[in-house]
Amino acid sequence: MEKRNPIILIHGLWNTSSIFSSITPKLDAIGIEYFAPTLKHSYGMTSIIDLTNILNELILKKYGFEKELDILGFSMGGIIGRYWLQKFNGYKRTRRFISIGSPHKGTLIAQLVPKYPFRGISEMKINSNFLRELAKNDFFLDDIECINFFTYWDLMVFPGWWTNLDLGKKISVKVFKHRNLVKNKYVVDKIIHIIVM
């Protein structure tokens, strides 16, 4: 099998890297290297900007400045990945960006959450300054293969189709819980299929 890029797995809010426990054994089985750090969201109080700074330091420590990578982000992890691609020159070294149930256009669930002390959650409000700034810089993703997984029945990122970027492939799957986007066997098999393509 041809050598694949290492894939960075970025978990979401109220998760740890263990959320990928249905995916990582399959990556091990096919010999694809992955790096799945646990980031401390502090219940949504830590800014996405600060979390991405931490992620960048971890990536640089493990892979240096130039090694080509793939990025997979679940839920808020997809927003962290998108910010890393734009603000840390990640777009220069990334071949593929897979986001799974990520609130790229915001989520109604965040609307009622106060900005202080929940800065990380408030950055995912619909039409937040943070998300508007991200959208203005999506041209950095033009040369990256972007794939969006979503479900119309997502009650965490609502409405579910707002998880999609305006660019890239959109894959709708039929699951009823947000976490099942990375736990359901059918969906996991589809994700693995995309990774090995």
N, C-alpha and C. Protein backbone atom coordinates (compact mmCIF):
# COMPACT_ATOMS: atom_id res chain seq x y z
N MET A 1 0.84 -1.18 0.00
CA MET A 1 0.00 0.00 0.00
C MET A 1 0.89 1.25 0.00
N GLU A 2 0.46 2.28 -0.74
CA GLU A 2 1.24 3.50 -0.77
C GLU A 2 1.26 4.17 0.61
N LYS A 3 2.31 4.93 0.85
CA LYS A 3 2.45 5.60 2.13
C LYS A 3 1.41 6.71 2.25
N ARG A 4 0.64 6.70 3.32
CA ARG A 4 -0.39 7.71 3.54
C ARG A 4 0.13 8.79 4.49
N ASN A 5 -0.47 9.97 4.36
CA ASN A 5 -0.14 11.02 5.31
C ASN A 5 -0.60 10.62 6.71
N PRO A 6 0.15 11.02 7.74
CA PRO A 6 -0.41 10.93 9.10
C PRO A 6 -1.68 11.78 9.15
N ILE A 7 -2.63 11.37 9.96
CA ILE A 7 -3.88 12.11 10.07
C ILE A 7 -4.04 12.62 11.50
N ILE A 8 -4.32 13.90 11.62
CA ILE A 8 -4.53 14.52 12.93
C ILE A 8 -6.01 14.41 13.26
N LEU A 9 -6.35 13.78 14.39
CA LEU A 9 -7.73 13.61 14.82
C LEU A 9 -8.01 14.62 15.93
N ILE A 10 -8.97 15.52 15.69
CA ILE A 10 -9.25 16.60 16.63
C ILE A 10 -10.66 16.42 17.19
N HIS A 11 -10.76 16.19 18.47
CA HIS A 11 -12.05 15.91 19.10
C HIS A 11 -12.83 17.20 19.36
N GLY A 12 -14.07 17.04 19.78
CA GLY A 12 -14.95 18.18 20.02
C GLY A 12 -15.11 18.51 21.49
N LEU A 13 -16.04 19.43 21.74
CA LEU A 13 -16.36 19.87 23.08
C LEU A 13 -16.96 18.72 23.89
N TRP A 14 -16.60 18.68 25.19
CA TRP A 14 -17.07 17.64 26.12
C TRP A 14 -16.61 16.24 25.70
N ASN A 15 -15.60 16.17 24.83
CA ASN A 15 -15.01 14.88 24.46
C ASN A 15 -13.53 14.90 24.83
N THR A 16 -12.91 13.73 24.73
CA THR A 16 -11.46 13.60 24.70
C THR A 16 -11.12 12.84 23.42
N SER A 17 -9.87 12.56 23.22
CA SER A 17 -9.47 11.81 22.02
C SER A 17 -10.09 10.41 21.99
N SER A 18 -10.59 9.94 23.14
CA SER A 18 -11.21 8.61 23.17
C SER A 18 -12.50 8.55 22.35
N ILE A 19 -13.05 9.70 21.95
CA ILE A 19 -14.23 9.71 21.09
C ILE A 19 -13.95 9.00 19.76
N PHE A 20 -12.67 8.89 19.41
CA PHE A 20 -12.29 8.24 18.15
C PHE A 20 -12.00 6.75 18.31
N SER A 21 -12.44 6.15 19.42
CA SER A 21 -12.09 4.75 19.70
C SER A 21 -12.69 3.75 18.71
N SER A 22 -13.68 4.17 17.94
CA SER A 22 -14.21 3.29 16.89
C SER A 22 -13.43 3.43 15.58
N ILE A 23 -12.66 4.51 15.46
CA ILE A 23 -11.91 4.81 14.23
C ILE A 23 -10.46 4.35 14.32
N THR A 24 -9.83 4.61 15.47
CA THR A 24 -8.38 4.36 15.56
C THR A 24 -7.98 2.89 15.37
N PRO A 25 -8.76 1.90 15.86
CA PRO A 25 -8.35 0.51 15.60
C PRO A 25 -8.34 0.19 14.09
N LYS A 26 -9.25 0.79 13.36
CA LYS A 26 -9.29 0.56 11.91
C LYS A 26 -8.10 1.22 11.22
N LEU A 27 -7.69 2.38 11.73
CA LEU A 27 -6.48 3.02 11.19
C LEU A 27 -5.25 2.17 11.50
N ASP A 28 -5.20 1.63 12.72
CA ASP A 28 -4.09 0.73 13.07
C ASP A 28 -4.05 -0.48 12.14
N ALA A 29 -5.23 -1.02 11.86
CA ALA A 29 -5.30 -2.24 11.05
C ALA A 29 -4.80 -2.03 9.63
N ILE A 30 -4.97 -0.83 9.11
CA ILE A 30 -4.53 -0.57 7.73
C ILE A 30 -3.21 0.21 7.67
N GLY A 31 -2.63 0.44 8.85
CA GLY A 31 -1.30 1.02 8.89
C GLY A 31 -1.22 2.50 8.62
N ILE A 32 -2.28 3.24 8.97
CA ILE A 32 -2.25 4.69 8.81
C ILE A 32 -1.93 5.34 10.15
N GLU A 33 -0.88 6.12 10.17
CA GLU A 33 -0.46 6.80 11.40
C GLU A 33 -1.46 7.90 11.74
N TYR A 34 -1.73 8.05 13.02
CA TYR A 34 -2.61 9.13 13.46
C TYR A 34 -2.06 9.76 14.72
N PHE A 35 -2.47 10.98 14.96
CA PHE A 35 -2.11 11.72 16.17
C PHE A 35 -3.39 12.31 16.72
N ALA A 36 -3.78 11.89 17.93
CA ALA A 36 -5.07 12.29 18.50
C ALA A 36 -4.85 12.88 19.89
N PRO A 37 -4.39 14.13 19.96
CA PRO A 37 -4.18 14.74 21.28
C PRO A 37 -5.51 15.09 21.93
N THR A 38 -5.52 15.11 23.26
CA THR A 38 -6.68 15.59 24.01
C THR A 38 -6.45 17.06 24.36
N LEU A 39 -7.39 17.91 23.96
CA LEU A 39 -7.31 19.34 24.23
C LEU A 39 -8.28 19.67 25.38
N LYS A 40 -7.88 20.56 26.25
CA LYS A 40 -8.70 20.90 27.42
C LYS A 40 -9.61 22.09 27.10
N HIS A 41 -10.87 21.76 26.79
CA HIS A 41 -11.84 22.80 26.41
C HIS A 41 -12.38 23.56 27.62
N SER A 42 -12.20 23.01 28.82
CA SER A 42 -12.73 23.63 30.05
C SER A 42 -14.22 23.96 29.91
N TYR A 43 -14.99 22.95 29.49
CA TYR A 43 -16.45 23.07 29.37
C TYR A 43 -16.89 24.17 28.40
N GLY A 44 -16.02 24.50 27.44
CA GLY A 44 -16.38 25.53 26.47
C GLY A 44 -15.89 26.92 26.85
N MET A 45 -15.12 27.02 27.95
CA MET A 45 -14.61 28.33 28.37
C MET A 45 -13.33 28.71 27.62
N THR A 46 -12.60 27.72 27.11
CA THR A 46 -11.36 28.01 26.39
C THR A 46 -11.67 28.38 24.95
N SER A 47 -11.11 29.48 24.51
CA SER A 47 -11.34 29.96 23.14
C SER A 47 -10.82 28.96 22.11
N ILE A 48 -11.52 28.88 20.98
CA ILE A 48 -11.05 28.06 19.86
C ILE A 48 -9.66 28.53 19.42
N ILE A 49 -9.43 29.83 19.50
CA ILE A 49 -8.12 30.38 19.12
C ILE A 49 -7.03 29.81 20.02
N ASP A 50 -7.27 29.80 21.33
CA ASP A 50 -6.28 29.26 22.27
C ASP A 50 -6.08 27.76 22.08
N LEU A 51 -7.18 27.04 21.85
CA LEU A 51 -7.08 25.60 21.62
C LEU A 51 -6.26 25.30 20.36
N THR A 52 -6.43 26.14 19.34
CA THR A 52 -5.69 25.92 18.09
C THR A 52 -4.21 26.23 18.27
N ASN A 53 -3.90 27.24 19.09
CA ASN A 53 -2.50 27.51 19.42
C ASN A 53 -1.85 26.30 20.06
N ILE A 54 -2.56 25.68 21.00
CA ILE A 54 -2.05 24.48 21.67
C ILE A 54 -1.88 23.35 20.67
N LEU A 55 -2.88 23.14 19.83
CA LEU A 55 -2.79 22.10 18.81
C LEU A 55 -1.59 22.33 17.90
N ASN A 56 -1.38 23.55 17.48
CA ASN A 56 -0.27 23.86 16.58
C ASN A 56 1.07 23.49 17.23
N GLU A 57 1.22 23.84 18.49
CA GLU A 57 2.47 23.49 19.20
C GLU A 57 2.67 21.98 19.23
N LEU A 58 1.60 21.24 19.46
CA LEU A 58 1.70 19.78 19.51
C LEU A 58 2.06 19.20 18.14
N ILE A 59 1.48 19.76 17.09
CA ILE A 59 1.78 19.29 15.73
C ILE A 59 3.23 19.58 15.38
N LEU A 60 3.69 20.79 15.70
CA LEU A 60 5.08 21.16 15.40
C LEU A 60 6.06 20.27 16.16
N LYS A 61 5.72 19.99 17.41
CA LYS A 61 6.61 19.14 18.22
C LYS A 61 6.70 17.74 17.65
N LYS A 62 5.59 17.22 17.13
CA LYS A 62 5.57 15.85 16.64
C LYS A 62 6.03 15.74 15.18
N TYR A 63 5.66 16.70 14.35
CA TYR A 63 5.88 16.55 12.91
C TYR A 63 6.71 17.67 12.27
N GLY A 64 7.13 18.66 13.05
CA GLY A 64 7.89 19.74 12.47
C GLY A 64 7.02 20.67 11.63
N PHE A 65 7.66 21.43 10.75
CA PHE A 65 6.97 22.48 10.00
C PHE A 65 6.51 22.04 8.61
N GLU A 66 7.01 20.92 8.10
CA GLU A 66 6.81 20.66 6.68
C GLU A 66 6.10 19.34 6.35
N LYS A 67 6.10 18.38 7.23
CA LYS A 67 5.53 17.08 6.88
C LYS A 67 4.07 17.22 6.46
N GLU A 68 3.73 16.59 5.33
CA GLU A 68 2.36 16.68 4.83
C GLU A 68 1.41 15.87 5.72
N LEU A 69 0.25 16.44 5.98
CA LEU A 69 -0.71 15.84 6.91
C LEU A 69 -2.11 15.81 6.31
N ASP A 70 -2.97 15.02 6.91
CA ASP A 70 -4.41 15.12 6.71
C ASP A 70 -5.03 15.52 8.04
N ILE A 71 -6.17 16.20 7.99
CA ILE A 71 -6.84 16.68 9.20
C ILE A 71 -8.25 16.10 9.24
N LEU A 72 -8.64 15.56 10.40
CA LEU A 72 -10.01 15.12 10.63
C LEU A 72 -10.48 15.74 11.94
N GLY A 73 -11.57 16.50 11.87
CA GLY A 73 -12.10 17.13 13.06
C GLY A 73 -13.55 16.75 13.28
N PHE A 74 -13.88 16.39 14.52
CA PHE A 74 -15.26 16.07 14.88
C PHE A 74 -15.84 17.22 15.69
N SER A 75 -17.03 17.67 15.30
CA SER A 75 -17.74 18.72 16.02
C SER A 75 -16.86 19.97 16.12
N MET A 76 -16.68 20.53 17.31
CA MET A 76 -15.82 21.71 17.44
C MET A 76 -14.41 21.46 16.90
N GLY A 77 -13.98 20.18 16.91
CA GLY A 77 -12.66 19.84 16.38
C GLY A 77 -12.49 20.22 14.91
N GLY A 78 -13.59 20.19 14.15
CA GLY A 78 -13.52 20.62 12.75
C GLY A 78 -13.29 22.11 12.62
N ILE A 79 -13.83 22.89 13.58
CA ILE A 79 -13.60 24.34 13.57
C ILE A 79 -12.16 24.64 13.96
N ILE A 80 -11.65 23.90 14.93
CA ILE A 80 -10.24 24.05 15.32
C ILE A 80 -9.34 23.71 14.13
N GLY A 81 -9.65 22.61 13.45
CA GLY A 81 -8.86 22.23 12.28
C GLY A 81 -8.91 23.28 11.18
N ARG A 82 -10.08 23.83 10.94
CA ARG A 82 -10.24 24.86 9.90
C ARG A 82 -9.44 26.11 10.26
N TYR A 83 -9.48 26.50 11.53
CA TYR A 83 -8.71 27.67 11.97
C TYR A 83 -7.20 27.40 11.84
N TRP A 84 -6.79 26.19 12.18
CA TRP A 84 -5.36 25.84 12.05
C TRP A 84 -4.91 25.92 10.59
N LEU A 85 -5.74 25.41 9.69
CA LEU A 85 -5.40 25.46 8.27
C LEU A 85 -5.19 26.89 7.79
N GLN A 86 -6.03 27.80 8.27
CA GLN A 86 -5.99 29.19 7.82
C GLN A 86 -4.89 30.00 8.49
N LYS A 87 -4.76 29.87 9.79
CA LYS A 87 -3.94 30.80 10.56
C LYS A 87 -2.53 30.32 10.87
N PHE A 88 -2.27 29.05 10.69
CA PHE A 88 -0.95 28.51 11.01
C PHE A 88 -0.27 27.90 9.79
N ASN A 89 -0.67 28.37 8.62
CA ASN A 89 -0.12 27.87 7.35
C ASN A 89 -0.35 26.38 7.16
N GLY A 90 -1.34 25.83 7.88
CA GLY A 90 -1.65 24.41 7.72
C GLY A 90 -2.08 24.06 6.31
N TYR A 91 -2.68 25.02 5.62
CA TYR A 91 -3.13 24.77 4.24
C TYR A 91 -1.97 24.43 3.31
N LYS A 92 -0.76 24.86 3.67
CA LYS A 92 0.40 24.60 2.81
C LYS A 92 0.88 23.15 2.91
N ARG A 93 0.47 22.43 3.95
CA ARG A 93 0.99 21.08 4.17
C ARG A 93 -0.12 20.04 4.32
N THR A 94 -1.37 20.43 4.03
CA THR A 94 -2.51 19.53 4.22
C THR A 94 -3.11 19.14 2.89
N ARG A 95 -3.30 17.85 2.70
CA ARG A 95 -3.88 17.33 1.46
C ARG A 95 -5.39 17.22 1.57
N ARG A 96 -5.88 16.82 2.74
CA ARG A 96 -7.31 16.54 2.89
C ARG A 96 -7.79 17.01 4.26
N PHE A 97 -8.97 17.64 4.27
CA PHE A 97 -9.60 18.10 5.49
C PHE A 97 -10.99 17.48 5.58
N ILE A 98 -11.16 16.61 6.58
CA ILE A 98 -12.44 15.93 6.80
C ILE A 98 -13.07 16.53 8.06
N SER A 99 -14.25 17.12 7.92
CA SER A 99 -14.95 17.61 9.11
C SER A 99 -16.24 16.81 9.27
N ILE A 100 -16.53 16.49 10.51
CA ILE A 100 -17.65 15.60 10.83
C ILE A 100 -18.55 16.29 11.85
N GLY A 101 -19.74 16.69 11.42
CA GLY A 101 -20.69 17.33 12.32
C GLY A 101 -20.14 18.59 12.96
N SER A 102 -19.38 19.38 12.20
CA SER A 102 -18.77 20.60 12.74
C SER A 102 -19.63 21.81 12.41
N PRO A 103 -19.87 22.69 13.39
CA PRO A 103 -20.78 23.82 13.17
C PRO A 103 -20.13 24.96 12.38
N HIS A 104 -19.82 24.70 11.11
CA HIS A 104 -19.12 25.71 10.31
C HIS A 104 -19.92 26.99 10.13
N LYS A 105 -21.22 26.89 10.21
CA LYS A 105 -22.07 28.10 10.10
C LYS A 105 -22.72 28.43 11.45
N GLY A 106 -22.22 27.81 12.51
CA GLY A 106 -22.77 28.04 13.83
C GLY A 106 -23.87 27.05 14.17
N THR A 107 -24.32 27.12 15.40
CA THR A 107 -25.40 26.23 15.85
C THR A 107 -26.33 26.99 16.79
N LEU A 108 -27.61 26.75 16.63
CA LEU A 108 -28.60 27.39 17.50
C LEU A 108 -28.39 27.05 18.97
N ILE A 109 -27.77 25.89 19.22
CA ILE A 109 -27.52 25.47 20.61
C ILE A 109 -26.63 26.47 21.34
N ALA A 110 -25.73 27.13 20.59
CA ALA A 110 -24.80 28.07 21.21
C ALA A 110 -25.42 29.44 21.48
N GLN A 111 -26.57 29.73 20.87
CA GLN A 111 -27.11 31.08 20.91
C GLN A 111 -27.41 31.58 22.33
N LEU A 112 -27.83 30.68 23.21
CA LEU A 112 -28.24 31.09 24.55
C LEU A 112 -27.10 31.09 25.55
N VAL A 113 -25.91 30.70 25.11
CA VAL A 113 -24.76 30.59 26.01
C VAL A 113 -24.06 31.95 26.11
N PRO A 114 -23.83 32.46 27.32
CA PRO A 114 -23.18 33.78 27.44
C PRO A 114 -21.72 33.74 26.99
N LYS A 115 -21.29 34.87 26.42
CA LYS A 115 -19.90 34.96 25.93
C LYS A 115 -18.91 34.78 27.08
N TYR A 116 -19.22 35.34 28.22
CA TYR A 116 -18.38 35.14 29.40
C TYR A 116 -19.15 34.26 30.39
N PRO A 117 -18.57 33.17 30.86
CA PRO A 117 -17.17 32.74 30.64
C PRO A 117 -16.99 31.74 29.49
N PHE A 118 -18.06 31.50 28.70
CA PHE A 118 -18.00 30.40 27.72
C PHE A 118 -17.57 30.91 26.34
N ARG A 119 -16.34 31.38 26.26
CA ARG A 119 -15.88 31.99 25.02
C ARG A 119 -15.84 30.99 23.86
N GLY A 120 -15.38 29.77 24.14
CA GLY A 120 -15.27 28.76 23.08
C GLY A 120 -16.62 28.43 22.47
N ILE A 121 -17.63 28.25 23.33
CA ILE A 121 -18.97 27.97 22.81
C ILE A 121 -19.52 29.17 22.06
N SER A 122 -19.31 30.38 22.62
CA SER A 122 -19.89 31.57 22.00
C SER A 122 -19.30 31.84 20.62
N GLU A 123 -18.07 31.36 20.38
CA GLU A 123 -17.48 31.52 19.05
C GLU A 123 -18.21 30.68 18.00
N MET A 124 -19.05 29.74 18.45
CA MET A 124 -19.83 28.92 17.52
C MET A 124 -21.28 29.39 17.39
N LYS A 125 -21.55 30.59 17.89
CA LYS A 125 -22.88 31.18 17.68
C LYS A 125 -23.07 31.49 16.19
N ILE A 126 -24.28 31.42 15.73
CA ILE A 126 -24.59 31.77 14.35
C ILE A 126 -24.18 33.23 14.11
N ASN A 127 -23.42 33.45 13.05
CA ASN A 127 -22.98 34.79 12.66
C ASN A 127 -22.04 35.44 13.67
N SER A 128 -21.33 34.63 14.45
CA SER A 128 -20.34 35.19 15.39
C SER A 128 -19.20 35.85 14.60
N ASN A 129 -18.54 36.80 15.25
CA ASN A 129 -17.39 37.45 14.61
C ASN A 129 -16.34 36.42 14.20
N PHE A 130 -16.14 35.44 15.07
CA PHE A 130 -15.14 34.40 14.79
C PHE A 130 -15.47 33.63 13.52
N LEU A 131 -16.72 33.17 13.40
CA LEU A 131 -17.10 32.39 12.22
C LEU A 131 -17.13 33.24 10.95
N ARG A 132 -17.49 34.52 11.09
CA ARG A 132 -17.47 35.40 9.91
C ARG A 132 -16.05 35.59 9.41
N GLU A 133 -15.12 35.73 10.34
CA GLU A 133 -13.72 35.89 9.96
C GLU A 133 -13.19 34.62 9.28
N LEU A 134 -13.57 33.45 9.82
CA LEU A 134 -13.18 32.18 9.20
C LEU A 134 -13.68 32.10 7.77
N ALA A 135 -14.95 32.45 7.57
CA ALA A 135 -15.55 32.34 6.24
C ALA A 135 -14.85 33.25 5.24
N LYS A 136 -14.39 34.41 5.69
CA LYS A 136 -13.70 35.34 4.80
C LYS A 136 -12.38 34.77 4.31
N ASN A 137 -11.81 33.84 5.08
CA ASN A 137 -10.49 33.30 4.76
C ASN A 137 -10.54 31.88 4.22
N ASP A 138 -11.72 31.41 3.83
CA ASP A 138 -11.83 30.04 3.33
C ASP A 138 -11.12 29.83 2.00
N PHE A 139 -10.71 30.91 1.34
CA PHE A 139 -9.94 30.74 0.10
C PHE A 139 -8.64 29.99 0.35
N PHE A 140 -8.17 29.98 1.59
CA PHE A 140 -6.97 29.20 1.92
C PHE A 140 -7.21 27.70 1.72
N LEU A 141 -8.47 27.27 1.70
CA LEU A 141 -8.80 25.85 1.58
C LEU A 141 -9.01 25.41 0.13
N ASP A 142 -8.86 26.35 -0.80
CA ASP A 142 -9.20 26.06 -2.20
C ASP A 142 -8.44 24.87 -2.78
N ASP A 143 -7.21 24.67 -2.37
CA ASP A 143 -6.39 23.59 -2.94
C ASP A 143 -6.38 22.34 -2.06
N ILE A 144 -7.24 22.31 -1.05
CA ILE A 144 -7.34 21.15 -0.15
C ILE A 144 -8.61 20.39 -0.49
N GLU A 145 -8.54 19.06 -0.46
CA GLU A 145 -9.75 18.25 -0.64
C GLU A 145 -10.55 18.31 0.67
N CYS A 146 -11.70 18.95 0.62
CA CYS A 146 -12.54 19.10 1.80
C CYS A 146 -13.74 18.16 1.72
N ILE A 147 -13.99 17.44 2.80
CA ILE A 147 -15.11 16.49 2.86
C ILE A 147 -15.88 16.77 4.15
N ASN A 148 -17.19 16.93 4.03
CA ASN A 148 -18.06 17.24 5.17
C ASN A 148 -19.03 16.09 5.41
N PHE A 149 -18.99 15.50 6.58
CA PHE A 149 -20.00 14.52 6.99
C PHE A 149 -21.02 15.21 7.88
N PHE A 150 -22.30 14.93 7.65
CA PHE A 150 -23.33 15.54 8.50
C PHE A 150 -24.56 14.64 8.54
N THR A 151 -25.43 14.92 9.51
CA THR A 151 -26.73 14.27 9.57
C THR A 151 -27.80 15.33 9.74
N TYR A 152 -28.91 15.15 9.06
CA TYR A 152 -30.04 16.09 9.19
C TYR A 152 -30.67 16.01 10.57
N TRP A 153 -30.39 14.94 11.33
CA TRP A 153 -31.00 14.73 12.65
C TRP A 153 -30.03 15.06 13.77
N ASP A 154 -29.08 15.96 13.52
CA ASP A 154 -28.11 16.36 14.53
C ASP A 154 -28.76 17.35 15.49
N LEU A 155 -28.90 16.99 16.75
CA LEU A 155 -29.51 17.88 17.74
C LEU A 155 -28.49 18.71 18.50
N MET A 156 -27.20 18.44 18.27
CA MET A 156 -26.16 19.24 18.91
C MET A 156 -25.75 20.40 18.02
N VAL A 157 -25.53 20.11 16.75
CA VAL A 157 -25.29 21.15 15.75
C VAL A 157 -26.59 21.27 14.97
N PHE A 158 -27.32 22.34 15.25
CA PHE A 158 -28.68 22.45 14.70
C PHE A 158 -28.84 23.80 14.03
N PRO A 159 -29.38 23.85 12.80
CA PRO A 159 -29.77 22.71 11.96
C PRO A 159 -28.57 21.96 11.40
N GLY A 160 -28.74 20.64 11.19
CA GLY A 160 -27.64 19.75 10.86
C GLY A 160 -26.89 20.12 9.60
N TRP A 161 -27.59 20.65 8.59
CA TRP A 161 -26.90 20.94 7.33
C TRP A 161 -26.01 22.18 7.44
N TRP A 162 -26.10 22.92 8.55
CA TRP A 162 -25.21 24.05 8.76
C TRP A 162 -23.81 23.60 9.14
N THR A 163 -23.62 22.31 9.25
CA THR A 163 -22.26 21.81 9.51
C THR A 163 -21.38 21.92 8.28
N ASN A 164 -21.96 22.11 7.11
CA ASN A 164 -21.18 22.03 5.88
C ASN A 164 -20.47 23.33 5.54
N LEU A 165 -19.22 23.18 5.09
CA LEU A 165 -18.52 24.28 4.46
C LEU A 165 -19.18 24.58 3.12
N ASP A 166 -18.92 25.77 2.59
CA ASP A 166 -19.46 26.11 1.27
C ASP A 166 -18.66 25.43 0.15
N LEU A 167 -17.58 24.78 0.50
CA LEU A 167 -16.76 24.10 -0.51
C LEU A 167 -16.58 22.64 -0.11
N GLY A 168 -16.24 21.85 -1.11
CA GLY A 168 -15.95 20.44 -0.84
C GLY A 168 -17.15 19.54 -0.96
N LYS A 169 -16.91 18.26 -0.71
CA LYS A 169 -17.92 17.22 -0.83
C LYS A 169 -18.75 17.15 0.45
N LYS A 170 -20.05 16.94 0.31
CA LYS A 170 -20.95 16.84 1.45
C LYS A 170 -21.57 15.45 1.48
N ILE A 171 -21.41 14.74 2.60
CA ILE A 171 -21.89 13.37 2.73
C ILE A 171 -22.91 13.32 3.87
N SER A 172 -24.17 13.07 3.52
CA SER A 172 -25.23 12.96 4.52
C SER A 172 -25.33 11.51 4.99
N VAL A 173 -25.39 11.32 6.31
CA VAL A 173 -25.54 9.98 6.87
C VAL A 173 -26.74 9.97 7.82
N LYS A 174 -27.35 8.80 7.96
CA LYS A 174 -28.56 8.70 8.76
C LYS A 174 -28.25 8.15 10.15
N VAL A 175 -27.87 9.05 11.04
CA VAL A 175 -27.72 8.70 12.45
C VAL A 175 -28.44 9.76 13.27
N PHE A 176 -28.81 9.41 14.51
CA PHE A 176 -29.69 10.27 15.29
C PHE A 176 -29.02 10.93 16.48
N LYS A 177 -27.79 10.57 16.79
CA LYS A 177 -27.07 11.22 17.87
C LYS A 177 -25.78 11.81 17.31
N HIS A 178 -25.43 12.98 17.81
CA HIS A 178 -24.23 13.68 17.34
C HIS A 178 -23.00 12.79 17.40
N ARG A 179 -22.80 12.13 18.55
CA ARG A 179 -21.59 11.31 18.73
C ARG A 179 -21.58 10.09 17.81
N ASN A 180 -22.76 9.67 17.34
CA ASN A 180 -22.80 8.52 16.44
C ASN A 180 -22.16 8.82 15.08
N LEU A 181 -21.90 10.10 14.81
CA LEU A 181 -21.18 10.45 13.60
C LEU A 181 -19.76 9.88 13.59
N VAL A 182 -19.23 9.56 14.79
CA VAL A 182 -17.91 8.91 14.85
C VAL A 182 -17.98 7.57 15.59
N LYS A 183 -19.18 7.10 15.91
CA LYS A 183 -19.34 5.83 16.62
C LYS A 183 -20.09 4.77 15.82
N ASN A 184 -21.05 5.19 15.02
CA ASN A 184 -21.86 4.26 14.24
C ASN A 184 -21.00 3.50 13.23
N LYS A 185 -21.13 2.18 13.20
CA LYS A 185 -20.26 1.35 12.35
C LYS A 185 -20.38 1.72 10.87
N TYR A 186 -21.58 1.96 10.41
CA TYR A 186 -21.79 2.32 9.00
C TYR A 186 -21.06 3.62 8.66
N VAL A 187 -21.18 4.61 9.55
CA VAL A 187 -20.54 5.90 9.29
C VAL A 187 -19.02 5.78 9.39
N VAL A 188 -18.56 5.05 10.41
CA VAL A 188 -17.10 4.86 10.58
C VAL A 188 -16.51 4.20 9.33
N ASP A 189 -17.20 3.21 8.79
CA ASP A 189 -16.70 2.56 7.57
C ASP A 189 -16.63 3.54 6.40
N LYS A 190 -17.60 4.45 6.32
CA LYS A 190 -17.56 5.46 5.26
C LYS A 190 -16.39 6.43 5.46
N ILE A 191 -16.15 6.79 6.71
CA ILE A 191 -15.02 7.69 7.02
C ILE A 191 -13.70 7.02 6.65
N ILE A 192 -13.56 5.75 7.04
CA ILE A 192 -12.33 5.02 6.71
C ILE A 192 -12.15 4.91 5.19
N HIS A 193 -13.23 4.67 4.49
CA HIS A 193 -13.17 4.59 3.02
C HIS A 193 -12.64 5.89 2.43
N ILE A 194 -13.11 7.03 2.96
CA ILE A 194 -12.63 8.33 2.49
C ILE A 194 -11.14 8.50 2.82
N ILE A 195 -10.75 8.10 4.03
CA ILE A 195 -9.36 8.27 4.45
C ILE A 195 -8.40 7.51 3.53
N VAL A 196 -8.79 6.31 3.12
CA VAL A 196 -7.87 5.48 2.33
C VAL A 196 -7.96 5.77 0.81
N MET A 197 -8.90 6.59 0.42
CA MET A 197 -9.02 6.91 -1.01
C MET A 197 -7.77 7.62 -1.52
